[in-house]
Amino acid sequence: MPKEKKTKFKIEAEVVKGECPNCSEITMLVGITSQFFRCMECGGDLEQHVNGKISYLPIMQSRTDGGKPYVKDWKWRKQKD
């Protein structure tokens, strides 16, 4: 029986420091893809936007009426005291 060939692959994750809009903490953000990041503090998923500066916005759920979600529709989570 022939021996199966093992393939090697390398995984590289981009890690950046930034402010998470979900928890308002300066924390490490780990790249899930080249455009999406996850906060290491609260676990929130963020989308990177580059327009003169780099900003991270929360990923919003699709609206139930089929419309396009806007940032003003996103509700800030209350901080724990």
PDB file of N, CA and C in Angstrom:
ATOM      1  N   MET A   1       0.841  -1.166   0.000  1.00  0.00           N
ATOM      2  CA  MET A   1       0.000   0.000   0.000  1.00  0.00           C
ATOM      3  C   MET A   1       0.896   1.242   0.000  1.00  0.00           C
ATOM      4  N   PRO A   2       0.684   2.154  -0.953  1.00  0.00           N
ATOM      5  CA  PRO A   2       1.568   3.323  -1.033  1.00  0.00           C
ATOM      6  C   PRO A   2       1.334   4.296   0.130  1.00  0.00           C
ATOM      7  N   LYS A   3       2.410   4.922   0.550  1.00  0.00           N
ATOM      8  CA  LYS A   3       2.345   5.890   1.643  1.00  0.00           C
ATOM      9  C   LYS A   3       1.775   7.208   1.115  1.00  0.00           C
ATOM     10  N   GLU A   4       0.823   7.788   1.865  1.00  0.00           N
ATOM     11  CA  GLU A   4       0.212   9.040   1.435  1.00  0.00           C
ATOM     12  C   GLU A   4       1.209  10.179   1.579  1.00  0.00           C
ATOM     13  N   LYS A   5       1.162  11.081   0.625  1.00  0.00           N
ATOM     14  CA  LYS A   5       2.053  12.226   0.632  1.00  0.00           C
ATOM     15  C   LYS A   5       1.501  13.291   1.583  1.00  0.00           C
ATOM     16  N   LYS A   6       2.336  13.750   2.495  1.00  0.00           N
ATOM     17  CA  LYS A   6       1.930  14.783   3.444  1.00  0.00           C
ATOM     18  C   LYS A   6       2.203  16.153   2.836  1.00  0.00           C
ATOM     19  N   THR A   7       1.229  17.010   2.933  1.00  0.00           N
ATOM     20  CA  THR A   7       1.410  18.369   2.444  1.00  0.00           C
ATOM     21  C   THR A   7       1.596  19.296   3.630  1.00  0.00           C
ATOM     22  N   LYS A   8       2.465  20.256   3.452  1.00  0.00           N
ATOM     23  CA  LYS A   8       2.723  21.240   4.494  1.00  0.00           C
ATOM     24  C   LYS A   8       2.084  22.552   4.079  1.00  0.00           C
ATOM     25  N   PHE A   9       1.524  23.233   5.053  1.00  0.00           N
ATOM     26  CA  PHE A   9       0.988  24.558   4.786  1.00  0.00           C
ATOM     27  C   PHE A   9       1.314  25.456   5.960  1.00  0.00           C
ATOM     28  N   LYS A  10       1.351  26.725   5.683  1.00  0.00           N
ATOM     29  CA  LYS A  10       1.734  27.702   6.689  1.00  0.00           C
ATOM     30  C   LYS A  10       0.592  28.693   6.872  1.00  0.00           C
ATOM     31  N   ILE A  11       0.233  28.951   8.117  1.00  0.00           N
ATOM     32  CA  ILE A  11      -0.821  29.910   8.425  1.00  0.00           C
ATOM     33  C   ILE A  11      -0.177  31.122   9.080  1.00  0.00           C
ATOM     34  N   GLU A  12      -0.481  32.284   8.534  1.00  0.00           N
ATOM     35  CA  GLU A  12       0.014  33.525   9.107  1.00  0.00           C
ATOM     36  C   GLU A  12      -1.171  34.419   9.425  1.00  0.00           C
ATOM     37  N   ALA A  13      -1.243  34.893  10.637  1.00  0.00           N
ATOM     38  CA  ALA A  13      -2.328  35.787  11.051  1.00  0.00           C
ATOM     39  C   ALA A  13      -1.755  37.183  11.266  1.00  0.00           C
ATOM     40  N   GLU A  14      -2.462  38.178  10.768  1.00  0.00           N
ATOM     41  CA  GLU A  14      -2.048  39.556  10.995  1.00  0.00           C
ATOM     42  C   GLU A  14      -2.606  40.003  12.338  1.00  0.00           C
ATOM     43  N   VAL A  15      -1.748  40.562  13.168  1.00  0.00           N
ATOM     44  CA  VAL A  15      -2.159  41.053  14.478  1.00  0.00           C
ATOM     45  C   VAL A  15      -1.843  42.540  14.530  1.00  0.00           C
ATOM     46  N   VAL A  16      -2.856  43.348  14.827  1.00  0.00           N
ATOM     47  CA  VAL A  16      -2.677  44.798  14.903  1.00  0.00           C
ATOM     48  C   VAL A  16      -3.212  45.290  16.235  1.00  0.00           C
ATOM     49  N   LYS A  17      -2.770  46.470  16.625  1.00  0.00           N
ATOM     50  CA  LYS A  17      -3.256  47.102  17.849  1.00  0.00           C
ATOM     51  C   LYS A  17      -4.220  48.200  17.430  1.00  0.00           C
ATOM     52  N   GLY A  18      -5.405  48.216  18.029  1.00  0.00           N
ATOM     53  CA  GLY A  18      -6.393  49.224  17.685  1.00  0.00           C
ATOM     54  C   GLY A  18      -7.475  49.309  18.738  1.00  0.00           C
ATOM     55  N   GLU A  19      -8.384  50.260  18.534  1.00  0.00           N
ATOM     56  CA  GLU A  19      -9.496  50.438  19.474  1.00  0.00           C
ATOM     57  C   GLU A  19     -10.721  49.716  18.941  1.00  0.00           C
ATOM     58  N   CYS A  20     -11.266  48.853  19.762  1.00  0.00           N
ATOM     59  CA  CYS A  20     -12.460  48.109  19.396  1.00  0.00           C
ATOM     60  C   CYS A  20     -13.682  48.970  19.679  1.00  0.00           C
ATOM     61  N   PRO A  21     -14.560  49.195  18.684  1.00  0.00           N
ATOM     62  CA  PRO A  21     -15.761  49.988  18.943  1.00  0.00           C
ATOM     63  C   PRO A  21     -16.794  49.250  19.791  1.00  0.00           C
ATOM     64  N   ASN A  22     -16.675  47.928  19.911  1.00  0.00           N
ATOM     65  CA  ASN A  22     -17.619  47.166  20.742  1.00  0.00           C
ATOM     66  C   ASN A  22     -17.366  47.375  22.225  1.00  0.00           C
ATOM     67  N   CYS A  23     -16.103  47.251  22.642  1.00  0.00           N
ATOM     68  CA  CYS A  23     -15.783  47.330  24.069  1.00  0.00           C
ATOM     69  C   CYS A  23     -15.010  48.595  24.439  1.00  0.00           C
ATOM     70  N   SER A  24     -14.684  49.440  23.464  1.00  0.00           N
ATOM     71  CA  SER A  24     -13.963  50.713  23.668  1.00  0.00           C
ATOM     72  C   SER A  24     -12.609  50.519  24.341  1.00  0.00           C
ATOM     73  N   GLU A  25     -11.971  49.390  24.102  1.00  0.00           N
ATOM     74  CA  GLU A  25     -10.655  49.092  24.668  1.00  0.00           C
ATOM     75  C   GLU A  25      -9.595  49.158  23.567  1.00  0.00           C
ATOM     76  N   ILE A  26      -8.395  49.624  23.937  1.00  0.00           N
ATOM     77  CA  ILE A  26      -7.246  49.514  23.041  1.00  0.00           C
ATOM     78  C   ILE A  26      -6.728  48.095  23.228  1.00  0.00           C
ATOM     79  N   THR A  27      -6.766  47.292  22.184  1.00  0.00           N
ATOM     80  CA  THR A  27      -6.480  45.870  22.317  1.00  0.00           C
ATOM     81  C   THR A  27      -5.847  45.334  21.040  1.00  0.00           C
ATOM     82  N   MET A  28      -5.531  44.075  21.052  1.00  0.00           N
ATOM     83  CA  MET A  28      -4.996  43.406  19.879  1.00  0.00           C
ATOM     84  C   MET A  28      -6.157  42.910  19.026  1.00  0.00           C
ATOM     85  N   LEU A  29      -6.063  43.139  17.721  1.00  0.00           N
ATOM     86  CA  LEU A  29      -7.059  42.675  16.770  1.00  0.00           C
ATOM     87  C   LEU A  29      -6.383  41.656  15.864  1.00  0.00           C
ATOM     88  N   VAL A  30      -6.944  40.467  15.778  1.00  0.00           N
ATOM     89  CA  VAL A  30      -6.359  39.377  15.005  1.00  0.00           C
ATOM     90  C   VAL A  30      -7.087  39.275  13.671  1.00  0.00           C
ATOM     91  N   GLY A  31      -6.323  39.228  12.592  1.00  0.00           N
ATOM     92  CA  GLY A  31      -6.894  39.157  11.254  1.00  0.00           C
ATOM     93  C   GLY A  31      -7.482  37.794  10.962  1.00  0.00           C
ATOM     94  N   ILE A  32      -8.767  37.763  10.641  1.00  0.00           N
ATOM     95  CA  ILE A  32      -9.425  36.527  10.216  1.00  0.00           C
ATOM     96  C   ILE A  32      -9.199  36.357   8.721  1.00  0.00           C
ATOM     97  N   THR A  33      -9.397  37.448   7.977  1.00  0.00           N
ATOM     98  CA  THR A  33      -9.053  37.531   6.558  1.00  0.00           C
ATOM     99  C   THR A  33      -8.309  38.844   6.381  1.00  0.00           C
ATOM    100  N   SER A  34      -8.054  39.245   5.151  1.00  0.00           N
ATOM    101  CA  SER A  34      -7.340  40.499   4.940  1.00  0.00           C
ATOM    102  C   SER A  34      -8.194  41.713   5.282  1.00  0.00           C
ATOM    103  N   GLN A  35      -9.509  41.545   5.412  1.00  0.00           N
ATOM    104  CA  GLN A  35     -10.409  42.660   5.662  1.00  0.00           C
ATOM    105  C   GLN A  35     -11.168  42.555   6.990  1.00  0.00           C
ATOM    106  N   PHE A  36     -11.232  41.379   7.588  1.00  0.00           N
ATOM    107  CA  PHE A  36     -12.004  41.176   8.812  1.00  0.00           C
ATOM    108  C   PHE A  36     -11.087  40.816   9.970  1.00  0.00           C
ATOM    109  N   PHE A  37     -11.376  41.408  11.147  1.00  0.00           N
ATOM    110  CA  PHE A  37     -10.564  41.209  12.337  1.00  0.00           C
ATOM    111  C   PHE A  37     -11.451  40.839  13.507  1.00  0.00           C
ATOM    112  N   ARG A  38     -10.851  40.233  14.536  1.00  0.00           N
ATOM    113  CA  ARG A  38     -11.577  39.871  15.756  1.00  0.00           C
ATOM    114  C   ARG A  38     -10.846  40.476  16.953  1.00  0.00           C
ATOM    115  N   CYS A  39     -11.633  41.099  17.854  1.00  0.00           N
ATOM    116  CA  CYS A  39     -11.098  41.714  19.070  1.00  0.00           C
ATOM    117  C   CYS A  39     -10.722  40.614  20.069  1.00  0.00           C
ATOM    118  N   MET A  40      -9.555  40.742  20.680  1.00  0.00           N
ATOM    119  CA  MET A  40      -9.117  39.755  21.659  1.00  0.00           C
ATOM    120  C   MET A  40      -9.755  39.981  23.028  1.00  0.00           C
ATOM    121  N   GLU A  41     -10.341  41.147  23.285  1.00  0.00           N
ATOM    122  CA  GLU A  41     -10.995  41.416  24.566  1.00  0.00           C
ATOM    123  C   GLU A  41     -12.424  40.884  24.606  1.00  0.00           C
ATOM    124  N   CYS A  42     -13.247  41.317  23.644  1.00  0.00           N
ATOM    125  CA  CYS A  42     -14.673  40.974  23.696  1.00  0.00           C
ATOM    126  C   CYS A  42     -15.064  39.923  22.655  1.00  0.00           C
ATOM    127  N   GLY A  43     -14.200  39.629  21.707  1.00  0.00           N
ATOM    128  CA  GLY A  43     -14.505  38.631  20.687  1.00  0.00           C
ATOM    129  C   GLY A  43     -15.366  39.164  19.555  1.00  0.00           C
ATOM    130  N   GLY A  44     -15.553  40.485  19.497  1.00  0.00           N
ATOM    131  CA  GLY A  44     -16.372  41.083  18.450  1.00  0.00           C
ATOM    132  C   GLY A  44     -15.680  41.048  17.096  1.00  0.00           C
ATOM    133  N   ASP A  45     -16.447  40.812  16.042  1.00  0.00           N
ATOM    134  CA  ASP A  45     -15.917  40.808  14.689  1.00  0.00           C
ATOM    135  C   ASP A  45     -16.001  42.207  14.112  1.00  0.00           C
ATOM    136  N   LEU A  46     -14.913  42.636  13.477  1.00  0.00           N
ATOM    137  CA  LEU A  46     -14.810  43.987  12.940  1.00  0.00           C
ATOM    138  C   LEU A  46     -14.397  43.940  11.480  1.00  0.00           C
ATOM    139  N   GLU A  47     -14.814  44.954  10.732  1.00  0.00           N
ATOM    140  CA  GLU A  47     -14.416  45.079   9.342  1.00  0.00           C
ATOM    141  C   GLU A  47     -13.495  46.285   9.231  1.00  0.00           C
ATOM    142  N   GLN A  48     -12.373  46.101   8.538  1.00  0.00           N
ATOM    143  CA  GLN A  48     -11.404  47.175   8.385  1.00  0.00           C
ATOM    144  C   GLN A  48     -11.793  48.050   7.198  1.00  0.00           C
ATOM    145  N   HIS A  49     -11.833  49.370   7.441  1.00  0.00           N
ATOM    146  CA  HIS A  49     -12.102  50.340   6.387  1.00  0.00           C
ATOM    147  C   HIS A  49     -10.904  51.274   6.287  1.00  0.00           C
ATOM    148  N   VAL A  50     -10.405  51.484   5.065  1.00  0.00           N
ATOM    149  CA  VAL A  50      -9.276  52.371   4.841  1.00  0.00           C
ATOM    150  C   VAL A  50      -9.754  53.503   3.947  1.00  0.00           C
ATOM    151  N   ASN A  51      -9.803  54.706   4.513  1.00  0.00           N
ATOM    152  CA  ASN A  51     -10.203  55.877   3.757  1.00  0.00           C
ATOM    153  C   ASN A  51      -9.467  57.080   4.350  1.00  0.00           C
ATOM    154  N   GLY A  52      -8.188  57.215   4.026  1.00  0.00           N
ATOM    155  CA  GLY A  52      -7.372  58.264   4.616  1.00  0.00           C
ATOM    156  C   GLY A  52      -6.802  57.853   5.964  1.00  0.00           C
ATOM    157  N   LYS A  53      -7.509  57.014   6.681  1.00  0.00           N
ATOM    158  CA  LYS A  53      -7.028  56.427   7.938  1.00  0.00           C
ATOM    159  C   LYS A  53      -7.643  55.041   8.055  1.00  0.00           C
ATOM    160  N   ILE A  54      -7.058  54.210   8.880  1.00  0.00           N
ATOM    161  CA  ILE A  54      -7.579  52.864   9.078  1.00  0.00           C
ATOM    162  C   ILE A  54      -8.569  52.906  10.233  1.00  0.00           C
ATOM    163  N   SER A  55      -9.771  52.430  10.007  1.00  0.00           N
ATOM    164  CA  SER A  55     -10.766  52.356  11.078  1.00  0.00           C
ATOM    165  C   SER A  55     -11.409  50.972  11.054  1.00  0.00           C
ATOM    166  N   TYR A  56     -11.871  50.555  12.207  1.00  0.00           N
ATOM    167  CA  TYR A  56     -12.499  49.247  12.358  1.00  0.00           C
ATOM    168  C   TYR A  56     -13.945  49.463  12.772  1.00  0.00           C
ATOM    169  N   LEU A  57     -14.873  48.913  12.004  1.00  0.00           N
ATOM    170  CA  LEU A  57     -16.297  49.039  12.285  1.00  0.00           C
ATOM    171  C   LEU A  57     -16.882  47.669  12.552  1.00  0.00           C
ATOM    172  N   PRO A  58     -17.855  47.583  13.447  1.00  0.00           N
ATOM    173  CA  PRO A  58     -18.456  46.276  13.749  1.00  0.00           C
ATOM    174  C   PRO A  58     -19.191  45.722  12.538  1.00  0.00           C
ATOM    175  N   ILE A  59     -19.199  44.416  12.427  1.00  0.00           N
ATOM    176  CA  ILE A  59     -19.957  43.748  11.374  1.00  0.00           C
ATOM    177  C   ILE A  59     -21.399  43.675  11.854  1.00  0.00           C
ATOM    178  N   MET A  60     -22.303  44.227  11.056  1.00  0.00           N
ATOM    179  CA  MET A  60     -23.707  44.284  11.452  1.00  0.00           C
ATOM    180  C   MET A  60     -24.505  43.192  10.762  1.00  0.00           C
ATOM    181  N   GLN A  61     -25.528  42.731  11.435  1.00  0.00           N
ATOM    182  CA  GLN A  61     -26.429  41.731  10.869  1.00  0.00           C
ATOM    183  C   GLN A  61     -27.276  42.362   9.773  1.00  0.00           C
ATOM    184  N   SER A  62     -27.713  41.567   8.827  1.00  0.00           N
ATOM    185  CA  SER A  62     -28.588  42.055   7.765  1.00  0.00           C
ATOM    186  C   SER A  62     -29.919  42.504   8.348  1.00  0.00           C
ATOM    187  N   ARG A  63     -30.485  43.529   7.737  1.00  0.00           N
ATOM    188  CA  ARG A  63     -31.781  44.013   8.193  1.00  0.00           C
ATOM    189  C   ARG A  63     -32.876  43.058   7.758  1.00  0.00           C
ATOM    190  N   THR A  64     -33.924  42.992   8.550  1.00  0.00           N
ATOM    191  CA  THR A  64     -35.032  42.075   8.250  1.00  0.00           C
ATOM    192  C   THR A  64     -35.900  42.567   7.107  1.00  0.00           C
ATOM    193  N   ASP A  65     -35.885  43.886   6.837  1.00  0.00           N
ATOM    194  CA  ASP A  65     -36.708  44.410   5.750  1.00  0.00           C
ATOM    195  C   ASP A  65     -35.981  44.397   4.404  1.00  0.00           C
ATOM    196  N   GLY A  66     -34.767  43.836   4.360  1.00  0.00           N
ATOM    197  CA  GLY A  66     -34.022  43.730   3.111  1.00  0.00           C
ATOM    198  C   GLY A  66     -33.195  44.955   2.773  1.00  0.00           C
ATOM    199  N   GLY A  67     -33.254  46.011   3.596  1.00  0.00           N
ATOM    200  CA  GLY A  67     -32.488  47.224   3.352  1.00  0.00           C
ATOM    201  C   GLY A  67     -31.025  47.055   3.723  1.00  0.00           C
ATOM    202  N   LYS A  68     -30.221  48.028   3.354  1.00  0.00           N
ATOM    203  CA  LYS A  68     -28.793  48.011   3.651  1.00  0.00           C
ATOM    204  C   LYS A  68     -28.560  48.557   5.064  1.00  0.00           C
ATOM    205  N   PRO A  69     -27.769  47.865   5.912  1.00  0.00           N
ATOM    206  CA  PRO A  69     -27.528  48.372   7.268  1.00  0.00           C
ATOM    207  C   PRO A  69     -26.588  49.581   7.233  1.00  0.00           C
ATOM    208  N   TYR A  70     -26.833  50.535   8.099  1.00  0.00           N
ATOM    209  CA  TYR A  70     -25.996  51.717   8.227  1.00  0.00           C
ATOM    210  C   TYR A  70     -25.376  51.728   9.608  1.00  0.00           C
ATOM    211  N   VAL A  71     -24.238  52.408   9.748  1.00  0.00           N
ATOM    212  CA  VAL A  71     -23.531  52.455  11.025  1.00  0.00           C
ATOM    213  C   VAL A  71     -24.408  53.088  12.093  1.00  0.00           C
ATOM    214  N   LYS A  72     -25.237  54.072  11.738  1.00  0.00           N
ATOM    215  CA  LYS A  72     -26.087  54.711  12.744  1.00  0.00           C
ATOM    216  C   LYS A  72     -27.126  53.748  13.314  1.00  0.00           C
ATOM    217  N   ASP A  73     -27.417  52.635  12.600  1.00  0.00           N
ATOM    218  CA  ASP A  73     -28.357  51.634  13.100  1.00  0.00           C
ATOM    219  C   ASP A  73     -27.737  50.744  14.173  1.00  0.00           C
ATOM    220  N   TRP A  74     -26.409  50.725  14.246  1.00  0.00           N
ATOM    221  CA  TRP A  74     -25.719  49.865  15.204  1.00  0.00           C
ATOM    222  C   TRP A  74     -25.817  50.467  16.589  1.00  0.00           C
ATOM    223  N   LYS A  75     -26.176  49.661  17.565  1.00  0.00           N
ATOM    224  CA  LYS A  75     -26.331  50.147  18.936  1.00  0.00           C
ATOM    225  C   LYS A  75     -25.088  49.799  19.745  1.00  0.00           C
ATOM    226  N   TRP A  76     -24.530  50.811  20.436  1.00  0.00           N
ATOM    227  CA  TRP A  76     -23.344  50.592  21.261  1.00  0.00           C
ATOM    228  C   TRP A  76     -23.721  49.741  22.463  1.00  0.00           C
ATOM    229  N   ARG A  77     -22.867  48.795  22.769  1.00  0.00           N
ATOM    230  CA  ARG A  77     -23.088  47.932  23.916  1.00  0.00           C
ATOM    231  C   ARG A  77     -22.704  48.664  25.186  1.00  0.00           C
ATOM    232  N   LYS A  78     -23.512  48.550  26.240  1.00  0.00           N
ATOM    233  CA  LYS A  78     -23.215  49.224  27.497  1.00  0.00           C
ATOM    234  C   LYS A  78     -22.041  48.547  28.171  1.00  0.00           C
ATOM    235  N   GLN A  79     -21.193  49.377  28.767  1.00  0.00           N
ATOM    236  CA  GLN A  79     -20.026  48.876  29.496  1.00  0.00           C
ATOM    237  C   GLN A  79     -20.464  48.288  30.828  1.00  0.00           C
ATOM    238  N   LYS A  80     -19.789  47.215  31.241  1.00  0.00           N
ATOM    239  CA  LYS A  80     -20.042  46.649  32.571  1.00  0.00           C
ATOM    240  C   LYS A  80     -19.348  47.486  33.617  1.00  0.00           C
ATOM    241  N   ASP A  81     -20.023  47.792  34.701  1.00  0.00           N
ATOM    242  CA  ASP A  81     -19.425  48.605  35.787  1.00  0.00           C
ATOM    243  C   ASP A  81     -18.646  47.743  36.735  1.00  0.00           C
TER     244      ASP A  81
END
